[in-house]
């Protein structure tokens, strides 16, 4: 009988404190669901004081990041790199009851006299990973079930499932899934006793159907998956993070976007992703004041519906393929977000 997949997995593309995809994060841990707590305030990342920081607050944070259940609260000082001395501490303390959907819904109090010796940390349960690869977005697929990490057999595996795994891990698009690992990257422990059935559109394996099945797989049949590096975007050259020339991060390199096919629907996706207000439609001369980019032009012929959660989900020609020059770089101007939790 088909059952809802019981894993709660790590993905960092859920709504952030201001509705953005990047307003809260965990830094310095072994995976995206563990580390020092940081929130974005006035366009910079700041730490959070551990006064009132407890398992209720960790539960809310793990829920906001779609990282599953809270595991423990930690001191942020145990996570590297060491917090820079000039990095600020968030101006508020969070007082959560554990049922809120995001930190923005928790009560807050002024933080007085907090230092980086009191940085808050958190650990959420991670239930999927890519092991023995060159980075966290490539490797042998393993799931954690009943407290044990298990390899996944190639039988019943599909590219659609690989797409969901990449999305959950906060990586870019799935580029390759290989049935079978070489000797150096084969697993050694258990082999998972379930088979997942995904459409490829799910935000996590939690929403795929799965069934218990008997198998006679060996580690010669372990599944390997490769995802693109995490996607990022920013607006540069403006007075705030809500206006400027658009740049996107791909393969560790920032590059611009060509305006061929670009429309207000794409503006809306960018503004939403950055946690800004509605897109404005300034004249061309206003957009040009942000100047041309330099280096790579990553995207061309971007065609968004306006409903996408990330610009990465919009159809485009292909990474790095274009017939543009930097005079055609996209610039976006959004309304400033109304003062909220991080601006109070």
C-alpha atoms as a PDB file:
ATOM      1  CA  UNK A   1       0.000   0.000   0.000  1.00  0.00           C
ATOM      2  CA  UNK A   2       1.300   3.424  -0.905  1.00  0.00           C
ATOM      3  CA  UNK A   3       2.233   5.493   2.111  1.00  0.00           C
ATOM      4  CA  UNK A   4       3.250   9.091   2.482  1.00  0.00           C
ATOM      5  CA  UNK A   5       7.004   9.216   2.670  1.00  0.00           C
ATOM      6  CA  UNK A   6       7.823   9.804   6.322  1.00  0.00           C
ATOM      7  CA  UNK A   7      11.011  11.749   5.947  1.00  0.00           C
ATOM      8  CA  UNK A   8      11.173  15.430   6.859  1.00  0.00           C
ATOM      9  CA  UNK A   9      14.049  16.747   4.833  1.00  0.00           C
ATOM     10  CA  UNK A  10      16.297  19.780   4.650  1.00  0.00           C
ATOM     11  CA  UNK A  11      15.595  22.502   2.146  1.00  0.00           C
ATOM     12  CA  UNK A  12      16.378  26.185   2.510  1.00  0.00           C
ATOM     13  CA  UNK A  13      13.910  27.593   0.092  1.00  0.00           C
ATOM     14  CA  UNK A  14      10.986  28.089   2.426  1.00  0.00           C
ATOM     15  CA  UNK A  15       9.692  31.556   3.268  1.00  0.00           C
ATOM     16  CA  UNK A  16      12.082  33.567   5.396  1.00  0.00           C
ATOM     17  CA  UNK A  17      11.466  36.146   8.084  1.00  0.00           C
ATOM     18  CA  UNK A  18      10.255  38.787   5.630  1.00  0.00           C
ATOM     19  CA  UNK A  19       8.817  36.305   3.160  1.00  0.00           C
ATOM     20  CA  UNK A  20      12.173  36.135   1.399  1.00  0.00           C
ATOM     21  CA  UNK A  21      14.059  33.002   0.465  1.00  0.00           C
ATOM     22  CA  UNK A  22      17.221  34.151   2.206  1.00  0.00           C
ATOM     23  CA  UNK A  23      16.382  36.015   5.431  1.00  0.00           C
ATOM     24  CA  UNK A  24      17.397  33.333   7.929  1.00  0.00           C
ATOM     25  CA  UNK A  25      20.121  30.713   7.740  1.00  0.00           C
ATOM     26  CA  UNK A  26      22.333  28.330   9.702  1.00  0.00           C
ATOM     27  CA  UNK A  27      26.089  28.789   9.199  1.00  0.00           C
ATOM     28  CA  UNK A  28      29.123  26.602   9.906  1.00  0.00           C
ATOM     29  CA  UNK A  29      27.457  23.231  10.462  1.00  0.00           C
ATOM     30  CA  UNK A  30      27.941  19.928   8.661  1.00  0.00           C
ATOM     31  CA  UNK A  31      24.820  20.579   6.597  1.00  0.00           C
ATOM     32  CA  UNK A  32      22.322  23.351   5.904  1.00  0.00           C
ATOM     33  CA  UNK A  33      20.152  22.359   8.843  1.00  0.00           C
ATOM     34  CA  UNK A  34      22.806  22.877  11.513  1.00  0.00           C
ATOM     35  CA  UNK A  35      24.917  25.834  12.559  1.00  0.00           C
ATOM     36  CA  UNK A  36      25.053  29.323  13.982  1.00  0.00           C
ATOM     37  CA  UNK A  37      21.751  31.203  13.610  1.00  0.00           C
ATOM     38  CA  UNK A  38      21.926  34.316  11.429  1.00  0.00           C
ATOM     39  CA  UNK A  39      19.214  36.647  10.149  1.00  0.00           C
ATOM     40  CA  UNK A  40      19.440  39.467   7.622  1.00  0.00           C
ATOM     41  CA  UNK A  41      19.065  43.005   8.904  1.00  0.00           C
ATOM     42  CA  UNK A  42      19.673  46.133   6.845  1.00  0.00           C
ATOM     43  CA  UNK A  43      21.277  44.092   4.029  1.00  0.00           C
ATOM     44  CA  UNK A  44      23.792  42.340   6.291  1.00  0.00           C
ATOM     45  CA  UNK A  45      23.820  39.047   8.137  1.00  0.00           C
ATOM     46  CA  UNK A  46      23.754  39.321  11.927  1.00  0.00           C
ATOM     47  CA  UNK A  47      23.861  36.722  14.689  1.00  0.00           C
ATOM     48  CA  UNK A  48      21.101  36.044  17.215  1.00  0.00           C
ATOM     49  CA  UNK A  49      21.577  36.276  20.988  1.00  0.00           C
ATOM     50  CA  UNK A  50      20.864  33.028  22.857  1.00  0.00           C
ATOM     51  CA  UNK A  51      18.822  34.689  25.612  1.00  0.00           C
ATOM     52  CA  UNK A  52      15.433  32.882  25.519  1.00  0.00           C
ATOM     53  CA  UNK A  53      16.788  30.702  22.691  1.00  0.00           C
ATOM     54  CA  UNK A  54      15.504  27.208  23.491  1.00  0.00           C
ATOM     55  CA  UNK A  55      14.079  24.088  21.848  1.00  0.00           C
ATOM     56  CA  UNK A  56      10.812  25.891  21.093  1.00  0.00           C
ATOM     57  CA  UNK A  57      12.738  28.490  19.081  1.00  0.00           C
ATOM     58  CA  UNK A  58      14.777  25.771  17.352  1.00  0.00           C
ATOM     59  CA  UNK A  59      11.562  23.957  16.424  1.00  0.00           C
ATOM     60  CA  UNK A  60      10.240  27.116  14.755  1.00  0.00           C
ATOM     61  CA  UNK A  61      13.504  27.727  12.909  1.00  0.00           C
ATOM     62  CA  UNK A  62      13.695  24.135  11.654  1.00  0.00           C
ATOM     63  CA  UNK A  63      10.097  24.414  10.472  1.00  0.00           C
ATOM     64  CA  UNK A  64      10.786  27.708   8.687  1.00  0.00           C
ATOM     65  CA  UNK A  65      13.785  26.234   6.872  1.00  0.00           C
ATOM     66  CA  UNK A  66      11.852  23.014   6.126  1.00  0.00           C
ATOM     67  CA  UNK A  67      14.582  21.119   7.952  1.00  0.00           C
ATOM     68  CA  UNK A  68      12.384  18.692   9.829  1.00  0.00           C
ATOM     69  CA  UNK A  69      12.294  18.260  13.583  1.00  0.00           C
ATOM     70  CA  UNK A  70      14.399  20.160  16.094  1.00  0.00           C
ATOM     71  CA  UNK A  71      17.253  18.058  17.442  1.00  0.00           C
ATOM     72  CA  UNK A  72      19.138  20.303  19.867  1.00  0.00           C
ATOM     73  CA  UNK A  73      20.084  23.866  20.696  1.00  0.00           C
ATOM     74  CA  UNK A  74      23.771  24.718  20.597  1.00  0.00           C
ATOM     75  CA  UNK A  75      26.086  27.613  21.254  1.00  0.00           C
ATOM     76  CA  UNK A  76      26.902  29.349  17.988  1.00  0.00           C
ATOM     77  CA  UNK A  77      30.531  29.620  19.096  1.00  0.00           C
ATOM     78  CA  UNK A  78      31.103  25.931  18.273  1.00  0.00           C
ATOM     79  CA  UNK A  79      30.577  26.570  14.558  1.00  0.00           C
ATOM     80  CA  UNK A  80      33.204  27.959  12.234  1.00  0.00           C
ATOM     81  CA  UNK A  81      34.303  30.139  10.706  1.00  0.00           C
ATOM     82  CA  UNK A  82      34.727  32.259  13.808  1.00  0.00           C
ATOM     83  CA  UNK A  83      32.240  35.109  13.930  1.00  0.00           C
ATOM     84  CA  UNK A  84      33.947  38.317  12.724  1.00  0.00           C
ATOM     85  CA  UNK A  85      34.340  40.837  15.527  1.00  0.00           C
ATOM     86  CA  UNK A  86      32.636  43.521  13.466  1.00  0.00           C
ATOM     87  CA  UNK A  87      29.595  41.352  12.723  1.00  0.00           C
ATOM     88  CA  UNK A  88      26.579  42.736  14.549  1.00  0.00           C
ATOM     89  CA  UNK A  89      24.165  40.970  16.874  1.00  0.00           C
ATOM     90  CA  UNK A  90      20.467  41.142  16.008  1.00  0.00           C
ATOM     91  CA  UNK A  91      18.661  43.880  17.921  1.00  0.00           C
ATOM     92  CA  UNK A  92      15.885  41.590  19.160  1.00  0.00           C
ATOM     93  CA  UNK A  93      15.446  38.352  21.105  1.00  0.00           C
ATOM     94  CA  UNK A  94      12.982  35.716  19.957  1.00  0.00           C
ATOM     95  CA  UNK A  95      10.477  34.300  22.455  1.00  0.00           C
ATOM     96  CA  UNK A  96       8.735  31.406  20.724  1.00  0.00           C
ATOM     97  CA  UNK A  97       6.167  28.927  21.995  1.00  0.00           C
ATOM     98  CA  UNK A  98       7.151  26.334  19.395  1.00  0.00           C
ATOM     99  CA  UNK A  99       4.023  26.341  17.226  1.00  0.00           C
ATOM    100  CA  UNK A 100       4.823  29.365  15.055  1.00  0.00           C
ATOM    101  CA  UNK A 101       5.502  28.832  11.357  1.00  0.00           C
ATOM    102  CA  UNK A 102       8.425  31.269  11.281  1.00  0.00           C
ATOM    103  CA  UNK A 103      10.535  33.375  13.620  1.00  0.00           C
ATOM    104  CA  UNK A 104       8.609  36.445  12.448  1.00  0.00           C
ATOM    105  CA  UNK A 105       5.587  35.158  14.352  1.00  0.00           C
ATOM    106  CA  UNK A 106       7.446  34.818  17.665  1.00  0.00           C
ATOM    107  CA  UNK A 107       7.265  37.526  20.298  1.00  0.00           C
ATOM    108  CA  UNK A 108      10.348  39.702  20.460  1.00  0.00           C
ATOM    109  CA  UNK A 109      12.167  41.784  23.020  1.00  0.00           C
ATOM    110  CA  UNK A 110      15.068  44.183  22.792  1.00  0.00           C
ATOM    111  CA  UNK A 111      18.465  42.511  23.028  1.00  0.00           C
ATOM    112  CA  UNK A 112      20.694  44.370  25.473  1.00  0.00           C
ATOM    113  CA  UNK A 113      24.376  43.716  26.078  1.00  0.00           C
ATOM    114  CA  UNK A 114      24.668  40.518  24.002  1.00  0.00           C
ATOM    115  CA  UNK A 115      28.086  39.528  22.630  1.00  0.00           C
ATOM    116  CA  UNK A 116      29.209  36.859  20.176  1.00  0.00           C
ATOM    117  CA  UNK A 117      29.967  34.609  23.156  1.00  0.00           C
ATOM    118  CA  UNK A 118      26.158  34.296  23.345  1.00  0.00           C
ATOM    119  CA  UNK A 119      25.457  33.510  19.675  1.00  0.00           C
ATOM    120  CA  UNK A 120      22.579  31.067  19.248  1.00  0.00           C
ATOM    121  CA  UNK A 121      23.011  27.782  17.385  1.00  0.00           C
ATOM    122  CA  UNK A 122      20.618  25.074  16.255  1.00  0.00           C
ATOM    123  CA  UNK A 123      20.599  21.516  14.966  1.00  0.00           C
ATOM    124  CA  UNK A 124      17.703  20.092  12.960  1.00  0.00           C
ATOM    125  CA  UNK A 125      17.347  16.475  11.942  1.00  0.00           C
ATOM    126  CA  UNK A 126      18.707  15.862   8.460  1.00  0.00           C
ATOM    127  CA  UNK A 127      17.210  12.855   6.709  1.00  0.00           C
ATOM    128  CA  UNK A 128      18.759  12.855   3.239  1.00  0.00           C
ATOM    129  CA  UNK A 129      22.272  13.515   2.002  1.00  0.00           C
ATOM    130  CA  UNK A 130      24.653  13.006  -0.898  1.00  0.00           C
ATOM    131  CA  UNK A 131      27.706  11.204   0.460  1.00  0.00           C
ATOM    132  CA  UNK A 132      31.300  10.754  -0.747  1.00  0.00           C
ATOM    133  CA  UNK A 133      31.025  13.326  -3.517  1.00  0.00           C
ATOM    134  CA  UNK A 134      33.195  16.379  -4.262  1.00  0.00           C
ATOM    135  CA  UNK A 135      30.634  18.641  -2.572  1.00  0.00           C
ATOM    136  CA  UNK A 136      27.328  18.498  -0.742  1.00  0.00           C
ATOM    137  CA  UNK A 137      25.387  18.651  -4.046  1.00  0.00           C
ATOM    138  CA  UNK A 138      26.970  15.543  -5.597  1.00  0.00           C
ATOM    139  CA  UNK A 139      27.272  12.047  -4.231  1.00  0.00           C
ATOM    140  CA  UNK A 140      25.744   8.731  -3.280  1.00  0.00           C
ATOM    141  CA  UNK A 141      22.139   9.086  -2.158  1.00  0.00           C
ATOM    142  CA  UNK A 142      21.520   8.147   1.456  1.00  0.00           C
ATOM    143  CA  UNK A 143      18.380   8.484   3.557  1.00  0.00           C
ATOM    144  CA  UNK A 144      18.094   8.301   7.318  1.00  0.00           C
ATOM    145  CA  UNK A 145      15.406   5.910   8.436  1.00  0.00           C
ATOM    146  CA  UNK A 146      14.830   4.788  12.021  1.00  0.00           C
ATOM    147  CA  UNK A 147      18.094   6.413  13.054  1.00  0.00           C
ATOM    148  CA  UNK A 148      20.280   4.710  10.434  1.00  0.00           C
ATOM    149  CA  UNK A 149      21.785   6.040   7.212  1.00  0.00           C
ATOM    150  CA  UNK A 150      21.026   3.743   4.287  1.00  0.00           C
ATOM    151  CA  UNK A 151      22.038   3.696   0.636  1.00  0.00           C
ATOM    152  CA  UNK A 152      19.339   3.671  -2.028  1.00  0.00           C
ATOM    153  CA  UNK A 153      19.103   0.918  -4.645  1.00  0.00           C
ATOM    154  CA  UNK A 154      18.865   1.743  -8.343  1.00  0.00           C
ATOM    155  CA  UNK A 155      15.745  -0.426  -8.749  1.00  0.00           C
ATOM    156  CA  UNK A 156      12.729   1.851  -8.964  1.00  0.00           C
ATOM    157  CA  UNK A 157      14.891   4.963  -9.035  1.00  0.00           C
ATOM    158  CA  UNK A 158      14.120   7.748 -11.520  1.00  0.00           C
ATOM    159  CA  UNK A 159      15.355  11.169 -12.564  1.00  0.00           C
ATOM    160  CA  UNK A 160      12.138  12.612 -11.104  1.00  0.00           C
ATOM    161  CA  UNK A 161      13.192  11.428  -7.630  1.00  0.00           C
ATOM    162  CA  UNK A 162      16.665  12.923  -8.174  1.00  0.00           C
ATOM    163  CA  UNK A 163      15.047  16.297  -8.963  1.00  0.00           C
ATOM    164  CA  UNK A 164      13.221  16.234  -5.641  1.00  0.00           C
ATOM    165  CA  UNK A 165      16.378  15.295  -3.713  1.00  0.00           C
ATOM    166  CA  UNK A 166      18.294  18.216  -5.241  1.00  0.00           C
ATOM    167  CA  UNK A 167      15.478  20.598  -4.430  1.00  0.00           C
ATOM    168  CA  UNK A 168      15.263  19.418  -0.814  1.00  0.00           C
ATOM    169  CA  UNK A 169      18.976  19.816  -0.230  1.00  0.00           C
ATOM    170  CA  UNK A 170      18.874  23.425  -1.365  1.00  0.00           C
ATOM    171  CA  UNK A 171      20.992  22.621  -4.411  1.00  0.00           C
ATOM    172  CA  UNK A 172      20.354  23.624  -8.010  1.00  0.00           C
ATOM    173  CA  UNK A 173      18.730  21.503 -10.676  1.00  0.00           C
ATOM    174  CA  UNK A 174      19.439  17.809 -10.984  1.00  0.00           C
ATOM    175  CA  UNK A 175      21.871  17.254 -13.850  1.00  0.00           C
ATOM    176  CA  UNK A 176      22.682  13.548 -13.587  1.00  0.00           C
ATOM    177  CA  UNK A 177      21.583  10.409 -11.832  1.00  0.00           C
ATOM    178  CA  UNK A 178      23.680   7.298 -12.205  1.00  0.00           C
ATOM    179  CA  UNK A 179      22.689   3.788 -11.294  1.00  0.00           C
ATOM    180  CA  UNK A 180      25.718   2.277  -9.705  1.00  0.00           C
ATOM    181  CA  UNK A 181      28.729   3.777  -7.914  1.00  0.00           C
ATOM    182  CA  UNK A 182      32.394   2.946  -8.327  1.00  0.00           C
ATOM    183  CA  UNK A 183      34.154   0.971  -5.613  1.00  0.00           C
ATOM    184  CA  UNK A 184      35.489   4.068  -3.878  1.00  0.00           C
ATOM    185  CA  UNK A 185      32.033   5.609  -3.443  1.00  0.00           C
ATOM    186  CA  UNK A 186      29.882   2.569  -2.695  1.00  0.00           C
ATOM    187  CA  UNK A 187      28.068   2.431   0.614  1.00  0.00           C
ATOM    188  CA  UNK A 188      28.965   0.010   3.377  1.00  0.00           C
ATOM    189  CA  UNK A 189      25.881  -0.167   5.590  1.00  0.00           C
ATOM    190  CA  UNK A 190      22.183  -0.824   5.164  1.00  0.00           C
ATOM    191  CA  UNK A 191      20.213  -0.484   1.945  1.00  0.00           C
ATOM    192  CA  UNK A 192      16.902   1.307   2.239  1.00  0.00           C
ATOM    193  CA  UNK A 193      13.844  -0.937   2.206  1.00  0.00           C
ATOM    194  CA  UNK A 194      11.514   1.498   0.465  1.00  0.00           C
ATOM    195  CA  UNK A 195      10.860   2.699  -3.059  1.00  0.00           C
ATOM    196  CA  UNK A 196       9.780   6.294  -3.726  1.00  0.00           C
ATOM    197  CA  UNK A 197       7.462   7.428  -6.495  1.00  0.00           C
ATOM    198  CA  UNK A 198       7.747  11.144  -7.338  1.00  0.00           C
ATOM    199  CA  UNK A 199       6.441  13.335 -10.141  1.00  0.00           C
ATOM    200  CA  UNK A 200       9.535  15.545  -9.849  1.00  0.00           C
ATOM    201  CA  UNK A 201       7.531  18.612  -8.832  1.00  0.00           C
ATOM    202  CA  UNK A 202       7.412  17.886  -5.098  1.00  0.00           C
ATOM    203  CA  UNK A 203       9.272  20.249  -2.775  1.00  0.00           C
ATOM    204  CA  UNK A 204      10.510  17.316  -0.677  1.00  0.00           C
ATOM    205  CA  UNK A 205      10.421  13.527  -0.632  1.00  0.00           C
ATOM    206  CA  UNK A 206       7.975  13.845   2.220  1.00  0.00           C
ATOM    207  CA  UNK A 207       5.303  14.499  -0.416  1.00  0.00           C
ATOM    208  CA  UNK A 208       6.186  11.555  -2.655  1.00  0.00           C
ATOM    209  CA  UNK A 209       4.442   8.211  -2.325  1.00  0.00           C
ATOM    210  CA  UNK A 210       6.507   5.310  -1.103  1.00  0.00           C
ATOM    211  CA  UNK A 211       6.068   1.644  -0.431  1.00  0.00           C
ATOM    212  CA  UNK A 212       7.912  -1.023   1.463  1.00  0.00           C
ATOM    213  CA  UNK A 213       9.506  -3.561  -0.855  1.00  0.00           C
ATOM    214  CA  UNK A 214      11.715  -6.598  -0.734  1.00  0.00           C
ATOM    215  CA  UNK A 215      14.926  -6.447  -2.732  1.00  0.00           C
ATOM    216  CA  UNK A 216      18.151  -8.312  -3.293  1.00  0.00           C
ATOM    217  CA  UNK A 217      20.227  -5.226  -4.123  1.00  0.00           C
ATOM    218  CA  UNK A 218      23.925  -4.919  -3.387  1.00  0.00           C
ATOM    219  CA  UNK A 219      26.057  -1.802  -3.028  1.00  0.00           C
ATOM    220  CA  UNK A 220      27.068  -2.238  -6.673  1.00  0.00           C
ATOM    221  CA  UNK A 221      23.619  -0.765  -7.387  1.00  0.00           C
ATOM    222  CA  UNK A 222      23.832   2.297  -5.136  1.00  0.00           C
ATOM    223  CA  UNK A 223      22.387   5.463  -6.695  1.00  0.00           C
ATOM    224  CA  UNK A 224      24.568   8.506  -7.431  1.00  0.00           C
ATOM    225  CA  UNK A 225      23.098  11.984  -8.041  1.00  0.00           C
ATOM    226  CA  UNK A 226      24.631  15.256  -9.211  1.00  0.00           C
ATOM    227  CA  UNK A 227      22.911  18.620  -8.760  1.00  0.00           C
ATOM    228  CA  UNK A 228      23.930  22.089  -9.832  1.00  0.00           C
ATOM    229  CA  UNK A 229      25.339  24.339  -7.123  1.00  0.00           C
ATOM    230  CA  UNK A 230      22.801  26.398  -5.150  1.00  0.00           C
ATOM    231  CA  UNK A 231      21.190  29.255  -7.034  1.00  0.00           C
ATOM    232  CA  UNK A 232      21.490  32.832  -5.814  1.00  0.00           C
ATOM    233  CA  UNK A 233      20.562  36.292  -7.048  1.00  0.00           C
ATOM    234  CA  UNK A 234      21.093  39.909  -6.046  1.00  0.00           C
ATOM    235  CA  UNK A 235      20.511  43.462  -7.278  1.00  0.00           C
ATOM    236  CA  UNK A 236      23.655  45.600  -7.392  1.00  0.00           C
ATOM    237  CA  UNK A 237      24.380  49.291  -7.905  1.00  0.00           C
ATOM    238  CA  UNK A 238      21.202  50.575  -6.271  1.00  0.00           C
ATOM    239  CA  UNK A 239      20.417  52.366  -3.025  1.00  0.00           C
ATOM    240  CA  UNK A 240      19.150  49.169  -1.404  1.00  0.00           C
ATOM    241  CA  UNK A 241      18.944  45.431  -2.064  1.00  0.00           C
ATOM    242  CA  UNK A 242      15.547  46.080  -3.739  1.00  0.00           C
ATOM    243  CA  UNK A 243      16.902  47.854  -6.818  1.00  0.00           C
ATOM    244  CA  UNK A 244      19.805  47.456  -9.182  1.00  0.00           C
ATOM    245  CA  UNK A 245      21.320  45.414 -11.958  1.00  0.00           C
ATOM    246  CA  UNK A 246      20.358  41.764 -11.646  1.00  0.00           C
ATOM    247  CA  UNK A 247      23.107  39.216 -11.080  1.00  0.00           C
ATOM    248  CA  UNK A 248      22.677  35.474 -10.587  1.00  0.00           C
ATOM    249  CA  UNK A 249      25.046  32.930  -9.070  1.00  0.00           C
ATOM    250  CA  UNK A 250      25.852  29.808 -11.079  1.00  0.00           C
ATOM    251  CA  UNK A 251      28.746  27.403 -10.590  1.00  0.00           C
ATOM    252  CA  UNK A 252      30.184  29.721  -7.972  1.00  0.00           C
ATOM    253  CA  UNK A 253      30.357  32.722 -10.331  1.00  0.00           C
ATOM    254  CA  UNK A 254      28.141  35.822 -10.470  1.00  0.00           C
ATOM    255  CA  UNK A 255      26.893  36.931 -13.876  1.00  0.00           C
ATOM    256  CA  UNK A 256      24.242  39.136 -15.460  1.00  0.00           C
ATOM    257  CA  UNK A 257      20.950  38.387 -17.224  1.00  0.00           C
ATOM    258  CA  UNK A 258      20.004  39.518 -20.738  1.00  0.00           C
ATOM    259  CA  UNK A 259      16.739  41.459 -21.135  1.00  0.00           C
ATOM    260  CA  UNK A 260      15.538  39.492 -24.195  1.00  0.00           C
ATOM    261  CA  UNK A 261      12.081  38.207 -23.306  1.00  0.00           C
ATOM    262  CA  UNK A 262      12.204  39.791 -19.851  1.00  0.00           C
ATOM    263  CA  UNK A 263       8.932  41.177 -18.509  1.00  0.00           C
ATOM    264  CA  UNK A 264       7.146  42.385 -15.396  1.00  0.00           C
ATOM    265  CA  UNK A 265       6.328  38.787 -14.458  1.00  0.00           C
ATOM    266  CA  UNK A 266      10.059  38.116 -14.119  1.00  0.00           C
ATOM    267  CA  UNK A 267      10.439  41.348 -12.140  1.00  0.00           C
ATOM    268  CA  UNK A 268       7.753  40.061  -9.780  1.00  0.00           C
ATOM    269  CA  UNK A 269       9.599  36.785  -9.206  1.00  0.00           C
ATOM    270  CA  UNK A 270      12.863  38.611  -8.425  1.00  0.00           C
ATOM    271  CA  UNK A 271      11.201  41.092  -6.054  1.00  0.00           C
ATOM    272  CA  UNK A 272       9.408  38.296  -4.207  1.00  0.00           C
ATOM    273  CA  UNK A 273      12.557  36.197  -3.955  1.00  0.00           C
ATOM    274  CA  UNK A 274      14.491  39.110  -2.442  1.00  0.00           C
ATOM    275  CA  UNK A 275      11.777  39.844   0.113  1.00  0.00           C
ATOM    276  CA  UNK A 276      10.958  43.204  -1.466  1.00  0.00           C
ATOM    277  CA  UNK A 277       7.607  44.753  -2.380  1.00  0.00           C
ATOM    278  CA  UNK A 278       5.864  44.882  -5.742  1.00  0.00           C
ATOM    279  CA  UNK A 279       7.916  45.545  -8.891  1.00  0.00           C
ATOM    280  CA  UNK A 280       7.937  49.066 -10.256  1.00  0.00           C
ATOM    281  CA  UNK A 281       8.151  49.962 -13.928  1.00  0.00           C
ATOM    282  CA  UNK A 282      10.668  52.819 -14.119  1.00  0.00           C
ATOM    283  CA  UNK A 283      11.711  54.257 -17.496  1.00  0.00           C
ATOM    284  CA  UNK A 284      14.706  52.804 -19.282  1.00  0.00           C
ATOM    285  CA  UNK A 285      16.955  55.710 -18.248  1.00  0.00           C
ATOM    286  CA  UNK A 286      16.344  54.864 -14.588  1.00  0.00           C
ATOM    287  CA  UNK A 287      17.227  51.227 -15.135  1.00  0.00           C
ATOM    288  CA  UNK A 288      20.403  52.192 -16.985  1.00  0.00           C
ATOM    289  CA  UNK A 289      21.730  54.187 -14.061  1.00  0.00           C
ATOM    290  CA  UNK A 290      22.854  50.940 -12.436  1.00  0.00           C
ATOM    291  CA  UNK A 291      25.429  50.482 -15.175  1.00  0.00           C
ATOM    292  CA  UNK A 292      26.426  47.464 -17.267  1.00  0.00           C
ATOM    293  CA  UNK A 293      27.847  44.319 -15.789  1.00  0.00           C
ATOM    294  CA  UNK A 294      31.146  42.653 -16.575  1.00  0.00           C
ATOM    295  CA  UNK A 295      32.121  39.064 -17.099  1.00  0.00           C
ATOM    296  CA  UNK A 296      29.631  36.263 -17.652  1.00  0.00           C
ATOM    297  CA  UNK A 297      26.134  36.649 -19.031  1.00  0.00           C
ATOM    298  CA  UNK A 298      24.407  33.642 -17.544  1.00  0.00           C
ATOM    299  CA  UNK A 299      20.794  33.805 -18.732  1.00  0.00           C
ATOM    300  CA  UNK A 300      18.878  34.847 -21.836  1.00  0.00           C
ATOM    301  CA  UNK A 301      15.264  34.507 -23.031  1.00  0.00           C
ATOM    302  CA  UNK A 302      13.941  34.167 -19.464  1.00  0.00           C
ATOM    303  CA  UNK A 303      10.176  33.619 -19.564  1.00  0.00           C
ATOM    304  CA  UNK A 304       8.408  33.698 -16.193  1.00  0.00           C
ATOM    305  CA  UNK A 305       4.712  33.360 -15.414  1.00  0.00           C
ATOM    306  CA  UNK A 306       5.139  35.434 -12.261  1.00  0.00           C
ATOM    307  CA  UNK A 307       4.059  32.572  -9.975  1.00  0.00           C
ATOM    308  CA  UNK A 308       7.475  30.931  -9.630  1.00  0.00           C
ATOM    309  CA  UNK A 309       9.061  30.893  -6.162  1.00  0.00           C
ATOM    310  CA  UNK A 310      12.534  31.308  -7.647  1.00  0.00           C
ATOM    311  CA  UNK A 311      13.892  32.794 -10.867  1.00  0.00           C
ATOM    312  CA  UNK A 312      15.656  29.477 -11.344  1.00  0.00           C
ATOM    313  CA  UNK A 313      12.256  27.879 -12.024  1.00  0.00           C
ATOM    314  CA  UNK A 314      11.549  30.152 -15.012  1.00  0.00           C
ATOM    315  CA  UNK A 315      12.271  28.692 -18.473  1.00  0.00           C
ATOM    316  CA  UNK A 316      15.344  30.122 -20.183  1.00  0.00           C
ATOM    317  CA  UNK A 317      17.642  29.339 -23.069  1.00  0.00           C
ATOM    318  CA  UNK A 318      20.321  27.500 -21.078  1.00  0.00           C
ATOM    319  CA  UNK A 319      23.022  28.544 -18.656  1.00  0.00           C
ATOM    320  CA  UNK A 320      25.689  30.578 -20.450  1.00  0.00           C
ATOM    321  CA  UNK A 321      23.970  30.582 -23.869  1.00  0.00           C
ATOM    322  CA  UNK A 322      22.977  34.026 -25.199  1.00  0.00           C
ATOM    323  CA  UNK A 323      23.281  36.487 -28.089  1.00  0.00           C
ATOM    324  CA  UNK A 324      23.575  39.602 -25.906  1.00  0.00           C
ATOM    325  CA  UNK A 325      26.061  42.135 -24.645  1.00  0.00           C
ATOM    326  CA  UNK A 326      26.162  43.975 -21.324  1.00  0.00           C
ATOM    327  CA  UNK A 327      24.166  46.902 -22.722  1.00  0.00           C
ATOM    328  CA  UNK A 328      21.193  44.524 -22.460  1.00  0.00           C
ATOM    329  CA  UNK A 329      21.684  43.581 -18.801  1.00  0.00           C
ATOM    330  CA  UNK A 330      18.445  43.336 -16.820  1.00  0.00           C
ATOM    331  CA  UNK A 331      17.828  45.850 -14.036  1.00  0.00           C
ATOM    332  CA  UNK A 332      14.967  45.550 -11.541  1.00  0.00           C
ATOM    333  CA  UNK A 333      13.389  48.107  -9.212  1.00  0.00           C
ATOM    334  CA  UNK A 334      11.065  46.903  -6.452  1.00  0.00           C
ATOM    335  CA  UNK A 335       9.096  48.731  -3.816  1.00  0.00           C
ATOM    336  CA  UNK A 336      10.803  48.772  -0.452  1.00  0.00           C
ATOM    337  CA  UNK A 337       9.365  46.218   1.958  1.00  0.00           C
ATOM    338  CA  UNK A 338       7.359  47.854   4.712  1.00  0.00           C
ATOM    339  CA  UNK A 339       9.238  47.848   8.029  1.00  0.00           C
ATOM    340  CA  UNK A 340       8.791  44.495   9.684  1.00  0.00           C
ATOM    341  CA  UNK A 341      10.443  42.283  12.215  1.00  0.00           C
ATOM    342  CA  UNK A 342      13.990  42.885  11.146  1.00  0.00           C
ATOM    343  CA  UNK A 343      13.542  46.608  10.835  1.00  0.00           C
ATOM    344  CA  UNK A 344      11.685  47.207  14.081  1.00  0.00           C
END
